[in-house]
Amino acid sequence: QVWVLWAPAAGVALARLLDPAEALSSVDSSAWRTAGVAVACVVL
């Protein structure tokens, strides 16, 4: 059950980490995108 509940949550969270529009105000959007891609590659 934990896996089933977490799967869509992880999909949303990872998509937002990859989205430059979600970048923190103190972080450059390209750097945010790069960090997100790195996280996504490791996770996938």
Full PDB file with SEQRES, HELIX, SHEET, SSBOND, CRYST1, ORIGX, SCALE, CONECT and MASTER records, all heavy atoms in Angstrom:
SEQRES   1 A   44  GLN VAL TRP VAL LEU TRP ALA PRO ALA ALA GLY VAL ALA          
SEQRES   2 A   44  LEU ALA ARG LEU LEU ASP PRO ALA GLU ALA LEU SER SER          
SEQRES   3 A   44  VAL ASP SER SER ALA TRP ARG THR ALA GLY VAL ALA VAL          
SEQRES   4 A   44  ALA CYS VAL VAL LEU                                          
HELIX    1 AA1 VAL A    2  LEU A   18  1                                  17    
HELIX    2 AA2 PRO A   20  GLU A   22  5                                   3    
HELIX    3 AA3 SER A   29  VAL A   43  1                                  15    
CRYST1    1.000    1.000    1.000  90.00  90.00  90.00 P 1           1          
ORIGX1      1.000000  0.000000  0.000000        0.00000                         
ORIGX2      0.000000  1.000000  0.000000        0.00000                         
ORIGX3      0.000000  0.000000  1.000000        0.00000                         
SCALE1      1.000000  0.000000  0.000000        0.00000                         
SCALE2      0.000000  1.000000  0.000000        0.00000                         
SCALE3      0.000000  0.000000  1.000000        0.00000                         
ATOM      1  N   GLN A   1       0.825  -1.206   0.000  1.00  0.00           N  
ATOM      2  CA  GLN A   1       0.000   0.000   0.000  1.00  0.00           C  
ATOM      3  C   GLN A   1       0.861   1.259   0.000  1.00  0.00           C  
ATOM      4  O   GLN A   1       0.540   2.251  -0.664  1.00  0.00           O  
ATOM      5  CB  GLN A   1      -0.909   0.001   1.226  1.00  0.00           C  
ATOM      6  CG  GLN A   1      -1.896  -1.148   1.275  1.00  0.00           C  
ATOM      7  CD  GLN A   1      -2.709  -1.140   2.538  1.00  0.00           C  
ATOM      8  OE1 GLN A   1      -3.508  -0.232   2.774  1.00  0.00           O  
ATOM      9  NE2 GLN A   1      -2.520  -2.139   3.393  1.00  0.00           N  
ATOM     10  N   VAL A   2       1.948   1.231   0.762  1.00  0.00           N  
ATOM     11  CA  VAL A   2       2.866   2.370   0.793  1.00  0.00           C  
ATOM     12  C   VAL A   2       3.387   2.645  -0.610  1.00  0.00           C  
ATOM     13  O   VAL A   2       3.416   3.792  -1.063  1.00  0.00           O  
ATOM     14  CB  VAL A   2       4.030   2.092   1.761  1.00  0.00           C  
ATOM     15  CG1 VAL A   2       5.106   3.170   1.620  1.00  0.00           C  
ATOM     16  CG2 VAL A   2       3.525   2.047   3.202  1.00  0.00           C  
ATOM     17  N   TRP A   3       3.785   1.595  -1.305  1.00  0.00           N  
ATOM     18  CA  TRP A   3       4.322   1.762  -2.658  1.00  0.00           C  
ATOM     19  C   TRP A   3       3.276   2.379  -3.591  1.00  0.00           C  
ATOM     20  O   TRP A   3       3.583   3.281  -4.381  1.00  0.00           O  
ATOM     21  CB  TRP A   3       4.766   0.401  -3.197  1.00  0.00           C  
ATOM     22  CG  TRP A   3       5.676   0.503  -4.383  1.00  0.00           C  
ATOM     23  CD1 TRP A   3       5.320   0.811  -5.670  1.00  0.00           C  
ATOM     24  CD2 TRP A   3       7.093   0.325  -4.395  1.00  0.00           C  
ATOM     25  NE1 TRP A   3       6.422   0.821  -6.479  1.00  0.00           N  
ATOM     26  CE2 TRP A   3       7.530   0.527  -5.726  1.00  0.00           C  
ATOM     27  CE3 TRP A   3       8.032   0.001  -3.426  1.00  0.00           C  
ATOM     28  CZ2 TRP A   3       8.867   0.420  -6.106  1.00  0.00           C  
ATOM     29  CZ3 TRP A   3       9.364  -0.108  -3.804  1.00  0.00           C  
ATOM     30  CH2 TRP A   3       9.774   0.099  -5.115  1.00  0.00           C  
ATOM     31  N   VAL A   4       2.055   1.912  -3.484  1.00  0.00           N  
ATOM     32  CA  VAL A   4       0.991   2.404  -4.359  1.00  0.00           C  
ATOM     33  C   VAL A   4       0.682   3.884  -4.088  1.00  0.00           C  
ATOM     34  O   VAL A   4       0.462   4.666  -5.024  1.00  0.00           O  
ATOM     35  CB  VAL A   4      -0.275   1.535  -4.171  1.00  0.00           C  
ATOM     36  CG1 VAL A   4      -1.487   2.181  -4.836  1.00  0.00           C  
ATOM     37  CG2 VAL A   4      -0.044   0.144  -4.739  1.00  0.00           C  
ATOM     38  N   LEU A   5       0.689   4.289  -2.833  1.00  0.00           N  
ATOM     39  CA  LEU A   5       0.415   5.691  -2.495  1.00  0.00           C  
ATOM     40  C   LEU A   5       1.582   6.598  -2.866  1.00  0.00           C  
ATOM     41  O   LEU A   5       1.381   7.747  -3.275  1.00  0.00           O  
ATOM     42  CB  LEU A   5       0.109   5.818  -1.002  1.00  0.00           C  
ATOM     43  CG  LEU A   5      -1.165   5.126  -0.511  1.00  0.00           C  
ATOM     44  CD1 LEU A   5      -1.288   5.250   1.001  1.00  0.00           C  
ATOM     45  CD2 LEU A   5      -2.406   5.701  -1.183  1.00  0.00           C  
ATOM     46  N   TRP A   6       2.778   6.087  -2.707  1.00  0.00           N  
ATOM     47  CA  TRP A   6       3.954   6.912  -2.982  1.00  0.00           C  
ATOM     48  C   TRP A   6       4.230   7.084  -4.468  1.00  0.00           C  
ATOM     49  O   TRP A   6       4.854   8.080  -4.871  1.00  0.00           O  
ATOM     50  CB  TRP A   6       5.173   6.309  -2.304  1.00  0.00           C  
ATOM     51  CG  TRP A   6       5.302   6.698  -0.860  1.00  0.00           C  
ATOM     52  CD1 TRP A   6       4.518   7.569  -0.163  1.00  0.00           C  
ATOM     53  CD2 TRP A   6       6.286   6.209   0.081  1.00  0.00           C  
ATOM     54  NE1 TRP A   6       4.937   7.665   1.140  1.00  0.00           N  
ATOM     55  CE2 TRP A   6       6.019   6.850   1.321  1.00  0.00           C  
ATOM     56  CE3 TRP A   6       7.336   5.314  -0.011  1.00  0.00           C  
ATOM     57  CZ2 TRP A   6       6.795   6.607   2.455  1.00  0.00           C  
ATOM     58  CZ3 TRP A   6       8.106   5.072   1.116  1.00  0.00           C  
ATOM     59  CH2 TRP A   6       7.849   5.709   2.333  1.00  0.00           C  
ATOM     60  N   ALA A   7       3.823   6.130  -5.300  1.00  0.00           N  
ATOM     61  CA  ALA A   7       4.169   6.186  -6.723  1.00  0.00           C  
ATOM     62  C   ALA A   7       3.668   7.459  -7.408  1.00  0.00           C  
ATOM     63  O   ALA A   7       4.459   8.183  -8.032  1.00  0.00           O  
ATOM     64  CB  ALA A   7       3.660   4.937  -7.437  1.00  0.00           C  
ATOM     65  N   PRO A   8       2.374   7.791  -7.328  1.00  0.00           N  
ATOM     66  CA  PRO A   8       1.947   9.051  -7.963  1.00  0.00           C  
ATOM     67  C   PRO A   8       2.543  10.274  -7.293  1.00  0.00           C  
ATOM     68  O   PRO A   8       2.832  11.280  -7.964  1.00  0.00           O  
ATOM     69  CB  PRO A   8       0.419   9.025  -7.817  1.00  0.00           C  
ATOM     70  CG  PRO A   8       0.132   8.047  -6.738  1.00  0.00           C  
ATOM     71  CD  PRO A   8       1.235   7.038  -6.781  1.00  0.00           C  
ATOM     72  N   ALA A   9       2.768  10.216  -5.976  1.00  0.00           N  
ATOM     73  CA  ALA A   9       3.406  11.338  -5.283  1.00  0.00           C  
ATOM     74  C   ALA A   9       4.816  11.552  -5.803  1.00  0.00           C  
ATOM     75  O   ALA A   9       5.252  12.698  -6.020  1.00  0.00           O  
ATOM     76  CB  ALA A   9       3.426  11.083  -3.775  1.00  0.00           C  
ATOM     77  N   ALA A  10       5.555  10.459  -6.013  1.00  0.00           N  
ATOM     78  CA  ALA A  10       6.914  10.575  -6.537  1.00  0.00           C  
ATOM     79  C   ALA A  10       6.909  11.106  -7.963  1.00  0.00           C  
ATOM     80  O   ALA A  10       7.796  11.883  -8.353  1.00  0.00           O  
ATOM     81  CB  ALA A  10       7.604   9.211  -6.478  1.00  0.00           C  
ATOM     82  N   GLY A  11       5.921  10.699  -8.751  1.00  0.00           N  
ATOM     83  CA  GLY A  11       5.827  11.216 -10.105  1.00  0.00           C  
ATOM     84  C   GLY A  11       5.649  12.720 -10.134  1.00  0.00           C  
ATOM     85  O   GLY A  11       6.318  13.435 -10.900  1.00  0.00           O  
ATOM     86  N   VAL A  12       4.779  13.239  -9.276  1.00  0.00           N  
ATOM     87  CA  VAL A  12       4.550  14.685  -9.206  1.00  0.00           C  
ATOM     88  C   VAL A  12       5.794  15.391  -8.673  1.00  0.00           C  
ATOM     89  O   VAL A  12       6.235  16.418  -9.220  1.00  0.00           O  
ATOM     90  CB  VAL A  12       3.339  14.995  -8.302  1.00  0.00           C  
ATOM     91  CG1 VAL A  12       3.181  16.496  -8.106  1.00  0.00           C  
ATOM     92  CG2 VAL A  12       2.072  14.401  -8.903  1.00  0.00           C  
ATOM     93  N   ALA A  13       6.369  14.866  -7.601  1.00  0.00           N  
ATOM     94  CA  ALA A  13       7.525  15.513  -6.978  1.00  0.00           C  
ATOM     95  C   ALA A  13       8.700  15.580  -7.951  1.00  0.00           C  
ATOM     96  O   ALA A  13       9.363  16.621  -8.076  1.00  0.00           O  
ATOM     97  CB  ALA A  13       7.910  14.765  -5.710  1.00  0.00           C  
ATOM     98  N   LEU A  14       8.972  14.483  -8.653  1.00  0.00           N  
ATOM     99  CA  LEU A  14      10.105  14.478  -9.574  1.00  0.00           C  
ATOM    100  C   LEU A  14       9.850  15.391 -10.769  1.00  0.00           C  
ATOM    101  O   LEU A  14      10.775  16.076 -11.236  1.00  0.00           O  
ATOM    102  CB  LEU A  14      10.376  13.047 -10.042  1.00  0.00           C  
ATOM    103  CG  LEU A  14      11.684  12.822 -10.814  1.00  0.00           C  
ATOM    104  CD1 LEU A  14      12.876  13.325 -10.013  1.00  0.00           C  
ATOM    105  CD2 LEU A  14      11.855  11.342 -11.150  1.00  0.00           C  
ATOM    106  N   ALA A  15       8.632  15.431 -11.254  1.00  0.00           N  
ATOM    107  CA  ALA A  15       8.307  16.341 -12.356  1.00  0.00           C  
ATOM    108  C   ALA A  15       8.499  17.797 -11.938  1.00  0.00           C  
ATOM    109  O   ALA A  15       8.992  18.621 -12.722  1.00  0.00           O  
ATOM    110  CB  ALA A  15       6.869  16.109 -12.820  1.00  0.00           C  
ATOM    111  N   ARG A  16       8.144  18.125 -10.715  1.00  0.00           N  
ATOM    112  CA  ARG A  16       8.326  19.501 -10.223  1.00  0.00           C  
ATOM    113  C   ARG A  16       9.801  19.818  -9.999  1.00  0.00           C  
ATOM    114  O   ARG A  16      10.225  20.954 -10.188  1.00  0.00           O  
ATOM    115  CB  ARG A  16       7.529  19.709  -8.941  1.00  0.00           C  
ATOM    116  CG  ARG A  16       6.021  19.583  -9.132  1.00  0.00           C  
ATOM    117  CD  ARG A  16       5.250  19.941  -7.874  1.00  0.00           C  
ATOM    118  NE  ARG A  16       5.221  21.379  -7.661  1.00  0.00           N  
ATOM    119  CZ  ARG A  16       4.689  21.969  -6.588  1.00  0.00           C  
ATOM    120  NH1 ARG A  16       4.176  21.220  -5.620  1.00  0.00           N  
ATOM    121  NH2 ARG A  16       4.687  23.275  -6.471  1.00  0.00           N  
ATOM    122  N   LEU A  17      10.583  18.828  -9.588  1.00  0.00           N  
ATOM    123  CA  LEU A  17      12.022  19.053  -9.440  1.00  0.00           C  
ATOM    124  C   LEU A  17      12.692  19.284 -10.791  1.00  0.00           C  
ATOM    125  O   LEU A  17      13.747  19.929 -10.872  1.00  0.00           O  
ATOM    126  CB  LEU A  17      12.670  17.850  -8.747  1.00  0.00           C  
ATOM    127  CG  LEU A  17      12.362  17.670  -7.256  1.00  0.00           C  
ATOM    128  CD1 LEU A  17      12.922  16.349  -6.751  1.00  0.00           C  
ATOM    129  CD2 LEU A  17      12.927  18.833  -6.440  1.00  0.00           C  
ATOM    130  N   LEU A  18      12.091  18.753 -11.858  1.00  0.00           N  
ATOM    131  CA  LEU A  18      12.634  18.942 -13.206  1.00  0.00           C  
ATOM    132  C   LEU A  18      12.137  20.221 -13.878  1.00  0.00           C  
ATOM    133  O   LEU A  18      12.644  20.603 -14.940  1.00  0.00           O  
ATOM    134  CB  LEU A  18      12.244  17.747 -14.082  1.00  0.00           C  
ATOM    135  CG  LEU A  18      12.983  16.430 -13.818  1.00  0.00           C  
ATOM    136  CD1 LEU A  18      12.280  15.281 -14.518  1.00  0.00           C  
ATOM    137  CD2 LEU A  18      14.421  16.531 -14.284  1.00  0.00           C  
ATOM    138  N   ASP A  19      11.174  20.888 -13.293  1.00  0.00           N  
ATOM    139  CA  ASP A  19      10.517  22.037 -13.918  1.00  0.00           C  
ATOM    140  C   ASP A  19      11.228  23.333 -13.522  1.00  0.00           C  
ATOM    141  O   ASP A  19      11.234  23.701 -12.342  1.00  0.00           O  
ATOM    142  CB  ASP A  19       9.055  22.098 -13.476  1.00  0.00           C  
ATOM    143  CG  ASP A  19       8.275  23.161 -14.220  1.00  0.00           C  
ATOM    144  OD1 ASP A  19       8.845  23.809 -15.124  1.00  0.00           O  
ATOM    145  OD2 ASP A  19       7.084  23.357 -13.890  1.00  0.00           O  
ATOM    146  N   PRO A  20      11.845  24.045 -14.465  1.00  0.00           N  
ATOM    147  CA  PRO A  20      12.524  25.304 -14.117  1.00  0.00           C  
ATOM    148  C   PRO A  20      11.598  26.330 -13.473  1.00  0.00           C  
ATOM    149  O   PRO A  20      12.041  27.170 -12.687  1.00  0.00           O  
ATOM    150  CB  PRO A  20      13.043  25.802 -15.467  1.00  0.00           C  
ATOM    151  CG  PRO A  20      13.096  24.590 -16.338  1.00  0.00           C  
ATOM    152  CD  PRO A  20      11.980  23.712 -15.881  1.00  0.00           C  
ATOM    153  N   ALA A  21      10.306  26.267 -13.787  1.00  0.00           N  
ATOM    154  CA  ALA A  21       9.361  27.214 -13.190  1.00  0.00           C  
ATOM    155  C   ALA A  21       9.227  27.016 -11.689  1.00  0.00           C  
ATOM    156  O   ALA A  21       8.740  27.898 -10.979  1.00  0.00           O  
ATOM    157  CB  ALA A  21       7.989  27.064 -13.856  1.00  0.00           C  
ATOM    158  N   GLU A  22       9.675  25.868 -11.182  1.00  0.00           N  
ATOM    159  CA  GLU A  22       9.588  25.575  -9.756  1.00  0.00           C  
ATOM    160  C   GLU A  22      10.839  25.996  -8.992  1.00  0.00           C  
ATOM    161  O   GLU A  22      10.945  25.772  -7.788  1.00  0.00           O  
ATOM    162  CB  GLU A  22       9.374  24.071  -9.544  1.00  0.00           C  
ATOM    163  CG  GLU A  22       8.058  23.542 -10.066  1.00  0.00           C  
ATOM    164  CD  GLU A  22       6.896  23.888  -9.158  1.00  0.00           C  
ATOM    165  OE1 GLU A  22       7.141  24.235  -7.992  1.00  0.00           O  
ATOM    166  OE2 GLU A  22       5.746  23.818  -9.620  1.00  0.00           O  
ATOM    167  N   ALA A  23      11.813  26.579  -9.685  1.00  0.00           N  
ATOM    168  CA  ALA A  23      13.087  26.910  -9.054  1.00  0.00           C  
ATOM    169  C   ALA A  23      12.899  27.886  -7.898  1.00  0.00           C  
ATOM    170  O   ALA A  23      12.051  28.795  -7.943  1.00  0.00           O  
ATOM    171  CB  ALA A  23      14.041  27.499 -10.084  1.00  0.00           C  
ATOM    172  N   LEU A  24      13.684  27.693  -6.855  1.00  0.00           N  
ATOM    173  CA  LEU A  24      13.668  28.612  -5.730  1.00  0.00           C  
ATOM    174  C   LEU A  24      14.195  29.969  -6.178  1.00  0.00           C  
ATOM    175  O   LEU A  24      15.004  30.081  -7.105  1.00  0.00           O  
ATOM    176  CB  LEU A  24      14.529  28.068  -4.589  1.00  0.00           C  
ATOM    177  CG  LEU A  24      14.158  26.672  -4.053  1.00  0.00           C  
ATOM    178  CD1 LEU A  24      15.143  26.248  -2.985  1.00  0.00           C  
ATOM    179  CD2 LEU A  24      12.752  26.664  -3.510  1.00  0.00           C  
ATOM    180  N   SER A  25      13.759  31.011  -5.511  1.00  0.00           N  
ATOM    181  CA  SER A  25      14.157  32.365  -5.899  1.00  0.00           C  
ATOM    182  C   SER A  25      15.665  32.565  -5.822  1.00  0.00           C  
ATOM    183  O   SER A  25      16.233  33.385  -6.545  1.00  0.00           O  
ATOM    184  CB  SER A  25      13.453  33.385  -4.996  1.00  0.00           C  
ATOM    185  OG  SER A  25      13.754  33.124  -3.628  1.00  0.00           O  
ATOM    186  N   SER A  26      16.333  31.801  -4.959  1.00  0.00           N  
ATOM    187  CA  SER A  26      17.780  31.944  -4.780  1.00  0.00           C  
ATOM    188  C   SER A  26      18.581  31.052  -5.717  1.00  0.00           C  
ATOM    189  O   SER A  26      19.811  31.042  -5.669  1.00  0.00           O  
ATOM    190  CB  SER A  26      18.160  31.619  -3.329  1.00  0.00           C  
ATOM    191  OG  SER A  26      17.748  30.309  -2.992  1.00  0.00           O  
ATOM    192  N   VAL A  27      17.889  30.290  -6.575  1.00  0.00           N  
ATOM    193  CA  VAL A  27      18.565  29.332  -7.453  1.00  0.00           C  
ATOM    194  C   VAL A  27      18.257  29.683  -8.904  1.00  0.00           C  
ATOM    195  O   VAL A  27      17.099  29.915  -9.268  1.00  0.00           O  
ATOM    196  CB  VAL A  27      18.117  27.887  -7.152  1.00  0.00           C  
ATOM    197  CG1 VAL A  27      18.826  26.905  -8.083  1.00  0.00           C  
ATOM    198  CG2 VAL A  27      18.395  27.541  -5.702  1.00  0.00           C  
ATOM    199  N   ASP A  28      19.298  29.705  -9.742  1.00  0.00           N  
ATOM    200  CA  ASP A  28      19.114  29.952 -11.159  1.00  0.00           C  
ATOM    201  C   ASP A  28      18.309  28.808 -11.774  1.00  0.00           C  
ATOM    202  O   ASP A  28      18.506  27.639 -11.434  1.00  0.00           O  
ATOM    203  CB  ASP A  28      20.482  30.057 -11.836  1.00  0.00           C  
ATOM    204  CG  ASP A  28      20.344  30.309 -13.331  1.00  0.00           C  
ATOM    205  OD1 ASP A  28      19.976  31.422 -13.717  1.00  0.00           O  
ATOM    206  OD2 ASP A  28      20.595  29.354 -14.101  1.00  0.00           O  
ATOM    207  N   SER A  29      17.413  29.140 -12.686  1.00  0.00           N  
ATOM    208  CA  SER A  29      16.519  28.119 -13.246  1.00  0.00           C  
ATOM    209  C   SER A  29      17.291  27.038 -13.990  1.00  0.00           C  
ATOM    210  O   SER A  29      16.919  25.859 -13.949  1.00  0.00           O  
ATOM    211  CB  SER A  29      15.502  28.774 -14.185  1.00  0.00           C  
ATOM    212  OG  SER A  29      16.161  29.439 -15.251  1.00  0.00           O  
ATOM    213  N   SER A  30      18.363  27.404 -14.671  1.00  0.00           N  
ATOM    214  CA  SER A  30      19.143  26.388 -15.382  1.00  0.00           C  
ATOM    215  C   SER A  30      19.852  25.459 -14.402  1.00  0.00           C  
ATOM    216  O   SER A  30      19.948  24.249 -14.633  1.00  0.00           O  
ATOM    217  CB  SER A  30      20.164  27.057 -16.304  1.00  0.00           C  
ATOM    218  OG  SER A  30      21.064  27.866 -15.552  1.00  0.00           O  
ATOM    219  N   ALA A  31      20.334  26.020 -13.295  1.00  0.00           N  
ATOM    220  CA  ALA A  31      20.974  25.190 -12.272  1.00  0.00           C  
ATOM    221  C   ALA A  31      19.950  24.262 -11.627  1.00  0.00           C  
ATOM    222  O   ALA A  31      20.242  23.098 -11.318  1.00  0.00           O  
ATOM    223  CB  ALA A  31      21.641  26.069 -11.216  1.00  0.00           C  
ATOM    224  N   TRP A  32      18.733  24.781 -11.424  1.00  0.00           N  
ATOM    225  CA  TRP A  32      17.660  23.962 -10.860  1.00  0.00           C  
ATOM    226  C   TRP A  32      17.344  22.793 -11.791  1.00  0.00           C  
ATOM    227  O   TRP A  32      17.197  21.657 -11.353  1.00  0.00           O  
ATOM    228  CB  TRP A  32      16.421  24.818 -10.651  1.00  0.00           C  
ATOM    229  CG  TRP A  32      15.213  24.077 -10.150  1.00  0.00           C  
ATOM    230  CD1 TRP A  32      14.259  23.451 -10.896  1.00  0.00           C  
ATOM    231  CD2 TRP A  32      14.850  23.859  -8.788  1.00  0.00           C  
ATOM    232  NE1 TRP A  32      13.310  22.873 -10.095  1.00  0.00           N  
ATOM    233  CE2 TRP A  32      13.644  23.112  -8.792  1.00  0.00           C  
ATOM    234  CE3 TRP A  32      15.404  24.238  -7.571  1.00  0.00           C  
ATOM    235  CZ2 TRP A  32      12.996  22.735  -7.621  1.00  0.00           C  
ATOM    236  CZ3 TRP A  32      14.756  23.869  -6.403  1.00  0.00           C  
ATOM    237  CH2 TRP A  32      13.572  23.122  -6.424  1.00  0.00           C  
ATOM    238  N   ARG A  33      17.286  23.109 -13.091  1.00  0.00           N  
ATOM    239  CA  ARG A  33      16.993  22.072 -14.079  1.00  0.00           C  
ATOM    240  C   ARG A  33      18.099  21.010 -14.093  1.00  0.00           C  
ATOM    241  O   ARG A  33      17.823  19.810 -14.140  1.00  0.00           O  
ATOM    242  CB  ARG A  33      16.875  22.719 -15.456  1.00  0.00           C  
ATOM    243  CG  ARG A  33      16.728  21.743 -16.612  1.00  0.00           C  
ATOM    244  CD  ARG A  33      15.340  21.203 -16.705  1.00  0.00           C  
ATOM    245  NE  ARG A  33      15.158  20.363 -17.877  1.00  0.00           N  
ATOM    246  CZ  ARG A  33      14.019  19.808 -18.229  1.00  0.00           C  
ATOM    247  NH1 ARG A  33      12.947  20.001 -17.496  1.00  0.00           N  
ATOM    248  NH2 ARG A  33      13.938  19.070 -19.313  1.00  0.00           N  
ATOM    249  N   THR A  34      19.341  21.464 -14.031  1.00  0.00           N  
ATOM    250  CA  THR A  34      20.468  20.527 -14.033  1.00  0.00           C  
ATOM    251  C   THR A  34      20.427  19.618 -12.813  1.00  0.00           C  
ATOM    252  O   THR A  34      20.622  18.396 -12.919  1.00  0.00           O  
ATOM    253  CB  THR A  34      21.799  21.295 -14.062  1.00  0.00           C  
ATOM    254  OG1 THR A  34      21.841  22.114 -15.240  1.00  0.00           O  
ATOM    255  CG2 THR A  34      22.974  20.335 -14.068  1.00  0.00           C  
ATOM    256  N   ALA A  35      20.165  20.218 -11.644  1.00  0.00           N  
ATOM    257  CA  ALA A  35      20.085  19.419 -10.424  1.00  0.00           C  
ATOM    258  C   ALA A  35      18.925  18.435 -10.498  1.00  0.00           C  
ATOM    259  O   ALA A  35      19.041  17.272 -10.077  1.00  0.00           O  
ATOM    260  CB  ALA A  35      19.930  20.333  -9.213  1.00  0.00           C  
ATOM    261  N   GLY A  36      17.804  18.892 -11.058  1.00  0.00           N  
ATOM    262  CA  GLY A  36      16.655  18.009 -11.194  1.00  0.00           C  
ATOM    263  C   GLY A  36      16.932  16.847 -12.123  1.00  0.00           C  
ATOM    264  O   GLY A  36      16.537  15.702 -11.853  1.00  0.00           O  
ATOM    265  N   VAL A  37      17.601  17.108 -13.227  1.00  0.00           N  
ATOM    266  CA  VAL A  37      17.951  16.039 -14.161  1.00  0.00           C  
ATOM    267  C   VAL A  37      18.879  15.033 -13.493  1.00  0.00           C  
ATOM    268  O   VAL A  37      18.749  13.815 -13.682  1.00  0.00           O  
ATOM    269  CB  VAL A  37      18.600  16.625 -15.430  1.00  0.00           C  
ATOM    270  CG1 VAL A  37      19.202  15.519 -16.284  1.00  0.00           C  
ATOM    271  CG2 VAL A  37      17.578  17.416 -16.226  1.00  0.00           C  
ATOM    272  N   ALA A  38      19.818  15.537 -12.692  1.00  0.00           N  
ATOM    273  CA  ALA A  38      20.736  14.637 -11.991  1.00  0.00           C  
ATOM    274  C   ALA A  38      19.973  13.724 -11.031  1.00  0.00           C  
ATOM    275  O   ALA A  38      20.218  12.508 -10.974  1.00  0.00           O  
ATOM    276  CB  ALA A  38      21.789  15.451 -11.238  1.00  0.00           C  
ATOM    277  N   VAL A  39      19.048  14.315 -10.264  1.00  0.00           N  
ATOM    278  CA  VAL A  39      18.243  13.513  -9.342  1.00  0.00           C  
ATOM    279  C   VAL A  39      17.419  12.486 -10.112  1.00  0.00           C  
ATOM    280  O   VAL A  39      17.348  11.303  -9.739  1.00  0.00           O  
ATOM    281  CB  VAL A  39      17.327  14.418  -8.495  1.00  0.00           C  
ATOM    282  CG1 VAL A  39      16.320  13.581  -7.705  1.00  0.00           C  
ATOM    283  CG2 VAL A  39      18.141  15.283  -7.551  1.00  0.00           C  
ATOM    284  N   ALA A  40      16.804  12.923 -11.208  1.00  0.00           N  
ATOM    285  CA  ALA A  40      15.961  12.017 -11.995  1.00  0.00           C  
ATOM    286  C   ALA A  40      16.770  10.857 -12.558  1.00  0.00           C  
ATOM    287  O   ALA A  40      16.323   9.701 -12.537  1.00  0.00           O  
ATOM    288  CB  ALA A  40      15.278  12.788 -13.119  1.00  0.00           C  
ATOM    289  N   CYS A  41      17.953  11.147 -13.062  1.00  0.00           N  
ATOM    290  CA  CYS A  41      18.784  10.080 -13.626  1.00  0.00           C  
ATOM    291  C   CYS A  41      19.159   9.055 -12.562  1.00  0.00           C  
ATOM    292  O   CYS A  41      19.091   7.838 -12.807  1.00  0.00           O  
ATOM    293  CB  CYS A  41      20.045  10.677 -14.250  1.00  0.00           C  
ATOM    294  SG  CYS A  41      19.746  11.596 -15.786  1.00  0.00           S  
ATOM    295  N   VAL A  42      19.546   9.531 -11.393  1.00  0.00           N  
ATOM    296  CA  VAL A  42      19.914   8.616 -10.307  1.00  0.00           C  
ATOM    297  C   VAL A  42      18.712   7.775  -9.899  1.00  0.00           C  
ATOM    298  O   VAL A  42      18.810   6.548  -9.728  1.00  0.00           O  
ATOM    299  CB  VAL A  42      20.467   9.404  -9.101  1.00  0.00           C  
ATOM    300  CG1 VAL A  42      20.636   8.483  -7.894  1.00  0.00           C  
ATOM    301  CG2 VAL A  42      21.794  10.050  -9.456  1.00  0.00           C  
ATOM    302  N   VAL A  43      17.563   8.418  -9.747  1.00  0.00           N  
ATOM    303  CA  VAL A  43      16.364   7.707  -9.288  1.00  0.00           C  
ATOM    304  C   VAL A  43      15.906   6.686 -10.324  1.00  0.00           C  
ATOM    305  O   VAL A  43      15.632   5.519  -9.996  1.00  0.00           O  
ATOM    306  CB  VAL A  43      15.230   8.706  -8.982  1.00  0.00           C  
ATOM    307  CG1 VAL A  43      13.919   7.971  -8.734  1.00  0.00           C  
ATOM    308  CG2 VAL A  43      15.585   9.566  -7.784  1.00  0.00           C  
ATOM    309  N   LEU A  44      15.827   7.097 -11.586  1.00  0.00           N  
ATOM    310  CA  LEU A  44      15.337   6.178 -12.615  1.00  0.00           C  
ATOM    311  C   LEU A  44      16.301   5.019 -12.831  1.00  0.00           C  
ATOM    312  O   LEU A  44      15.869   3.879 -13.066  1.00  0.00           O  
ATOM    313  CB  LEU A  44      15.121   6.940 -13.924  1.00  0.00           C  
ATOM    314  CG  LEU A  44      14.033   8.022 -13.884  1.00  0.00           C  
ATOM    315  CD1 LEU A  44      13.929   8.725 -15.233  1.00  0.00           C  
ATOM    316  CD2 LEU A  44      12.685   7.438 -13.499  1.00  0.00           C  
TER     317      LEU A  44                                                      
MASTER        0    0    0    3    0    0    0    6  316    1    0    4          
END                                                                             
